[in-house]
Structures are given as structure tokens and as C-alpha cells.
Amino acid sequence: MNQILKILSKVLLASLMLTIVVGGTTSCNSKKKLAKERAEAHAAEVNRAKRDLNNIINGETTWTLDQQAERVAAIKAKNWGNADVDDLVEQAEETISKKRAEAERLAEEERLKREEEARLRANQSEFAVIDNQLASIADATSVDEANMLINTALNQYATPDIPVLIIISQAGGFNDYDRPTTISKFLNYLKDKKQYKYKVESVKRDNMGKITEMELIVK
């Protein structure tokens, strides 16, 4: 009986030692496997970061500038200590900065363009009213009607003697003018000539809104 117990004790001890050895080996293998997986995941993440940074630098992404900046910031925050990634982050930040500056420049140009178009539309609308008024004097069916229209029109001008400049040609940014006249003389000229072949080019006004100078161009 004692012999049997001794044998069983030896078997149990051997089994226990085998279990410990196998368990230690398994644990070691698991740690190596985990370390390998982590290394592979890190390498994949670094490669993904490099790919994204290169796409941003080369303009090969559909991300908005804000999304690009967020991605670069996220990569930078990782602080991997990888020289290639650090260099690409710097290049990407510079690329985004230049793109933002260009976008802001284009936006400012577009804003100024819209303002200029609005100004021109306003001027065209204002000038169209004056053009129509001048044309109506030339098209008057009688002298009395023309005189009535002239008197009404003169209310828009600071005095009956404000200068009217008529452009007869333009070249190289310079205007060639006909002999100067006054608004009073010009309106009566239209009444007699019965033809308005001009277009308002510009007007100047005083602080009361009255026209102090008008520039016309021959159509």
C-alpha cells in the first residue's frame, strides 16, 4: 500500500511539473505572439499614417482642409518618434497652410468680384434711369413736352451749368473727349436733335445727391 502511494505521489509530482513547464512555455509563446501582433499593428498604423500624409502632401485626397488638418494633428499626437513620419507631418502642415492661404485668397477675390459686380449693377441701374430720361427728351413728341421733361430732369443736377463730358474714343486706358458742354445746353441739344446716341459712363454727386458732373460715351 505504501509502495502504491509512493508511486502515485511521484506520478502527481511529475504531472504537476509537466503542467508548470507546459504552462510556462505556453505563456511565453503567448507573450511573443502578442508582442508580434502589437509590432505588426504598430507597423501597419505607421504605414497608414505615411500613406495619408503623402496623399495630403500630393493632393490625392478628397478630404476637406479641416479633415486633413485633423488627420495630421491625430498622427502628430501619436508622437511615435519616427523620423519619416515627423518629416511628413511637417510637409503636410506646410501644404495645408499653403492651401488655406490660397483658399482665403480666392475667397477674397470672389468677395471683391461680387462686390464689384454689385456695384456695376447698381451703377447700370442708376445710369439706365438717366439714359432713359435723356432718351425721352430726344423722343418727345412736341417742344412743350420736351421742355417739361427738361425742367424735371434739371432737378437732379446741382446747377444747370454742371459739366457734361462726352467721350468720343477710348484707347490705351485714355479717353478722347468732345468739346465740353453743360447739362442745360446738352438737354436742349437733345430736344433739337431728337436723337440720343450716347450712354452714361459715370456721374459725380455732391453730398445732397445732386449730380455735379456727368460723363457720356458715344454708342
Protein backbone atom coordinates (compact mmCIF):
# COMPACT_ATOMS: atom_id res chain seq x y z
CA MET A 1 0.00 0.00 0.00
CA ASN A 2 2.80 2.36 0.92
CA GLN A 3 4.52 1.48 -2.31
CA ILE A 4 1.42 2.37 -4.29
CA LEU A 5 1.12 5.73 -2.50
CA LYS A 6 4.73 6.49 -3.25
CA ILE A 7 4.20 5.71 -6.92
CA LEU A 8 1.05 7.88 -7.08
CA SER A 9 2.91 10.74 -5.39
CA LYS A 10 5.67 10.55 -7.95
CA VAL A 11 3.14 10.50 -10.82
CA LEU A 12 1.28 13.52 -9.43
CA LEU A 13 4.52 15.41 -8.92
CA ALA A 14 5.63 14.64 -12.46
CA SER A 15 2.24 15.73 -13.82
CA LEU A 16 2.43 18.95 -11.83
CA MET A 17 5.92 19.70 -13.07
CA LEU A 18 4.86 18.96 -16.65
CA THR A 19 1.90 21.27 -16.27
CA ILE A 20 4.12 24.04 -14.94
CA VAL A 21 6.62 23.58 -17.77
CA VAL A 22 3.93 23.44 -20.47
CA GLY A 23 2.11 26.38 -18.92
CA GLY A 24 5.29 28.43 -18.79
CA THR A 25 6.08 27.60 -22.38
CA THR A 26 2.54 28.46 -23.47
CA SER A 27 2.67 31.74 -21.54
CA CYS A 28 5.99 32.63 -23.13
CA ASN A 29 4.68 31.78 -26.59
CA SER A 30 1.54 33.88 -25.95
CA LYS A 31 3.64 36.87 -24.91
CA LYS A 32 5.80 36.53 -28.02
CA LYS A 33 2.69 36.23 -30.18
CA LEU A 34 1.12 39.28 -28.52
CA ALA A 35 4.35 41.25 -28.93
CA LYS A 36 4.49 40.27 -32.60
CA GLU A 37 0.86 41.25 -33.15
CA ARG A 38 1.45 44.59 -31.45
CA ALA A 39 4.54 45.21 -33.58
CA GLU A 40 2.63 44.35 -36.75
CA ALA A 41 -0.27 46.61 -35.72
CA HIS A 42 2.15 49.44 -34.97
CA ALA A 43 3.88 48.99 -38.33
CA ALA A 44 0.53 48.97 -40.11
CA GLU A 45 -0.53 52.14 -38.27
CA VAL A 46 2.74 53.87 -39.19
CA ASN A 47 2.36 52.82 -42.83
CA ARG A 48 -1.24 54.06 -42.84
CA ALA A 49 -0.09 57.37 -41.37
CA LYS A 50 2.63 57.71 -44.03
CA ARG A 51 0.13 56.92 -46.76
CA ASP A 52 -2.37 59.52 -45.50
CA LEU A 53 0.34 62.15 -45.09
CA ASN A 54 1.66 61.54 -48.60
CA ASN A 55 -1.87 61.76 -50.01
CA ILE A 56 -2.34 65.11 -48.26
CA ILE A 57 1.02 66.42 -49.48
CA ASN A 58 0.37 65.29 -53.07
CA GLY A 59 -3.24 66.48 -53.13
CA GLU A 60 -4.56 62.96 -53.62
CA THR A 61 -7.32 63.02 -51.02
CA THR A 62 -10.96 64.05 -51.12
CA TRP A 63 -10.85 65.26 -47.51
CA THR A 64 -11.62 68.89 -46.76
CA LEU A 65 -8.82 71.06 -45.40
CA ASP A 66 -10.30 70.77 -41.92
CA GLN A 67 -10.39 66.98 -42.20
CA GLN A 68 -6.80 66.94 -43.46
CA ALA A 69 -5.68 69.14 -40.56
CA GLU A 70 -7.49 66.87 -38.08
CA ARG A 71 -5.79 63.78 -39.53
CA VAL A 72 -2.35 65.39 -39.38
CA ALA A 73 -2.96 66.52 -35.80
CA ALA A 74 -4.03 63.00 -34.82
CA ILE A 75 -0.89 61.49 -36.35
CA LYS A 76 1.31 64.13 -34.72
CA ALA A 77 -0.28 63.43 -31.33
CA LYS A 78 0.88 59.81 -31.52
CA ASN A 79 4.46 61.05 -31.10
CA TRP A 80 5.96 57.81 -32.40
CA GLY A 81 9.45 59.24 -32.70
CA ASN A 82 9.60 58.05 -36.30
CA ALA A 83 11.80 60.42 -38.34
CA ASP A 84 9.98 59.69 -41.62
CA VAL A 85 6.58 60.36 -40.07
CA ASP A 86 7.82 63.53 -38.38
CA ASP A 87 9.17 64.83 -41.69
CA LEU A 88 5.92 64.00 -43.50
CA VAL A 89 3.88 65.70 -40.75
CA GLU A 90 5.92 68.88 -41.22
CA GLN A 91 5.43 68.76 -45.00
CA ALA A 92 1.69 68.09 -44.62
CA GLU A 93 1.26 71.01 -42.21
CA GLU A 94 3.06 73.30 -44.66
CA THR A 95 0.90 72.01 -47.53
CA ILE A 96 -2.31 72.62 -45.58
CA SER A 97 -1.11 76.10 -44.57
CA LYS A 98 -0.45 77.00 -48.22
CA LYS A 99 -3.80 75.59 -49.30
CA ARG A 100 -5.59 77.60 -46.61
CA ALA A 101 -3.80 80.77 -47.71
CA GLU A 102 -4.74 80.08 -51.34
CA ALA A 103 -8.35 79.34 -50.39
CA GLU A 104 -8.53 82.57 -48.41
CA ARG A 105 -7.02 84.48 -51.34
CA LEU A 106 -9.54 83.00 -53.77
CA ALA A 107 -12.40 83.69 -51.34
CA GLU A 108 -11.28 87.30 -51.01
CA GLU A 109 -11.03 87.64 -54.79
CA GLU A 110 -14.52 86.18 -55.14
CA ARG A 111 -15.85 88.57 -52.49
CA LEU A 112 -14.31 91.57 -54.23
CA LYS A 113 -15.63 90.30 -57.56
CA ARG A 114 -19.16 90.02 -56.17
CA GLU A 115 -18.89 93.50 -54.66
CA GLU A 116 -17.68 94.93 -57.97
CA GLU A 117 -20.46 93.17 -59.87
CA ALA A 118 -22.99 94.51 -57.39
CA ARG A 119 -21.52 98.00 -57.75
CA LEU A 120 -21.66 97.77 -61.53
CA ARG A 121 -25.25 96.52 -61.43
CA ALA A 122 -26.18 99.39 -59.14
CA ASN A 123 -24.44 101.86 -61.42
CA GLN A 124 -26.01 100.34 -64.50
CA SER A 125 -29.41 100.55 -62.86
CA GLU A 126 -28.82 104.17 -61.85
CA PHE A 127 -27.36 105.07 -65.23
CA ALA A 128 -30.22 103.31 -67.04
CA VAL A 129 -32.66 105.68 -65.35
CA ILE A 130 -30.62 108.69 -66.53
CA ASP A 131 -30.22 107.22 -70.02
CA ASN A 132 -33.97 106.65 -70.28
CA GLN A 133 -34.66 110.20 -69.11
CA LEU A 134 -32.27 111.69 -71.66
CA ALA A 135 -33.70 109.47 -74.42
CA SER A 136 -37.25 110.54 -73.50
CA ILE A 137 -36.29 114.20 -74.09
CA ALA A 138 -34.94 113.33 -77.54
CA ASP A 139 -38.10 111.30 -78.28
CA ALA A 140 -40.55 113.96 -77.08
CA THR A 141 -43.45 114.47 -79.50
CA SER A 142 -43.56 118.23 -79.01
CA VAL A 143 -41.45 121.15 -77.83
CA ASP A 144 -43.70 121.65 -74.82
CA GLU A 145 -43.31 118.03 -73.78
CA ALA A 146 -39.53 118.25 -74.25
CA ASN A 147 -39.33 121.44 -72.15
CA MET A 148 -41.38 119.83 -69.39
CA LEU A 149 -39.06 116.82 -69.36
CA ILE A 150 -36.00 119.09 -69.32
CA ASN A 151 -37.28 121.02 -66.31
CA THR A 152 -37.96 117.77 -64.49
CA ALA A 153 -34.55 116.39 -65.37
CA LEU A 154 -32.71 119.53 -64.20
CA ASN A 155 -33.91 118.85 -60.64
CA GLN A 156 -31.37 116.01 -60.48
CA TYR A 157 -28.40 118.29 -61.16
CA ALA A 158 -26.64 120.67 -58.76
CA THR A 159 -26.90 123.53 -61.29
CA PRO A 160 -27.88 123.88 -64.96
CA ASP A 161 -24.21 124.52 -65.69
CA ILE A 162 -22.64 121.30 -64.38
CA PRO A 163 -20.14 119.94 -66.96
CA VAL A 164 -21.09 117.18 -69.35
CA LEU A 165 -18.10 115.38 -70.83
CA ILE A 166 -18.60 113.31 -73.96
CA ILE A 167 -16.14 110.51 -74.75
CA ILE A 168 -15.70 110.09 -78.49
CA SER A 169 -12.99 107.39 -78.34
CA GLN A 170 -11.02 105.27 -75.87
CA ALA A 171 -7.54 103.80 -76.34
CA GLY A 172 -4.84 102.54 -74.01
CA GLY A 173 -6.85 103.47 -70.94
CA PHE A 174 -7.23 107.08 -72.09
CA ASN A 175 -10.35 108.92 -73.20
CA ASP A 176 -10.64 111.38 -76.04
CA TYR A 177 -13.37 113.95 -75.34
CA ASP A 178 -15.54 116.13 -77.49
CA ARG A 179 -15.84 119.81 -76.62
CA PRO A 180 -17.24 120.16 -73.06
CA THR A 181 -20.78 121.36 -72.62
CA THR A 182 -23.24 121.91 -69.77
CA ILE A 183 -26.26 119.85 -68.82
CA SER A 184 -28.65 122.66 -69.75
CA LYS A 185 -27.12 123.02 -73.22
CA PHE A 186 -26.97 119.26 -73.69
CA LEU A 187 -30.64 118.73 -72.80
CA ASN A 188 -31.70 121.43 -75.25
CA TYR A 189 -29.41 119.88 -77.84
CA LEU A 190 -31.29 116.59 -77.42
CA LYS A 191 -34.60 118.43 -77.77
CA ASP A 192 -33.47 119.95 -81.07
CA LYS A 193 -31.57 116.95 -82.42
CA LYS A 194 -34.28 114.41 -81.47
CA GLN A 195 -31.69 111.70 -81.15
CA TYR A 196 -29.91 110.23 -78.13
CA LYS A 197 -26.87 108.25 -79.28
CA TYR A 198 -24.99 108.19 -76.01
CA LYS A 199 -24.68 106.16 -72.85
CA VAL A 200 -23.92 107.37 -69.34
CA GLU A 201 -20.40 106.29 -68.37
CA SER A 202 -20.13 107.90 -64.95
CA VAL A 203 -21.56 110.60 -62.71
CA LYS A 204 -20.32 112.55 -59.72
CA ARG A 205 -22.61 113.73 -56.96
CA ASP A 206 -22.45 116.22 -54.11
CA ASN A 207 -23.38 115.43 -50.50
CA MET A 208 -27.00 116.22 -51.34
CA GLY A 209 -27.03 113.55 -54.04
CA LYS A 210 -27.20 116.08 -56.85
CA ILE A 211 -25.18 115.34 -59.98
CA THR A 212 -22.17 117.67 -60.28
CA GLU A 213 -20.56 116.12 -63.35
CA MET A 214 -21.63 113.60 -65.95
CA GLU A 215 -19.59 111.62 -68.42
CA LEU A 216 -21.20 110.17 -71.54
CA ILE A 217 -19.81 107.93 -74.23
CA VAL A 218 -20.89 107.77 -77.85
CA LYS A 219 -22.51 104.41 -78.62
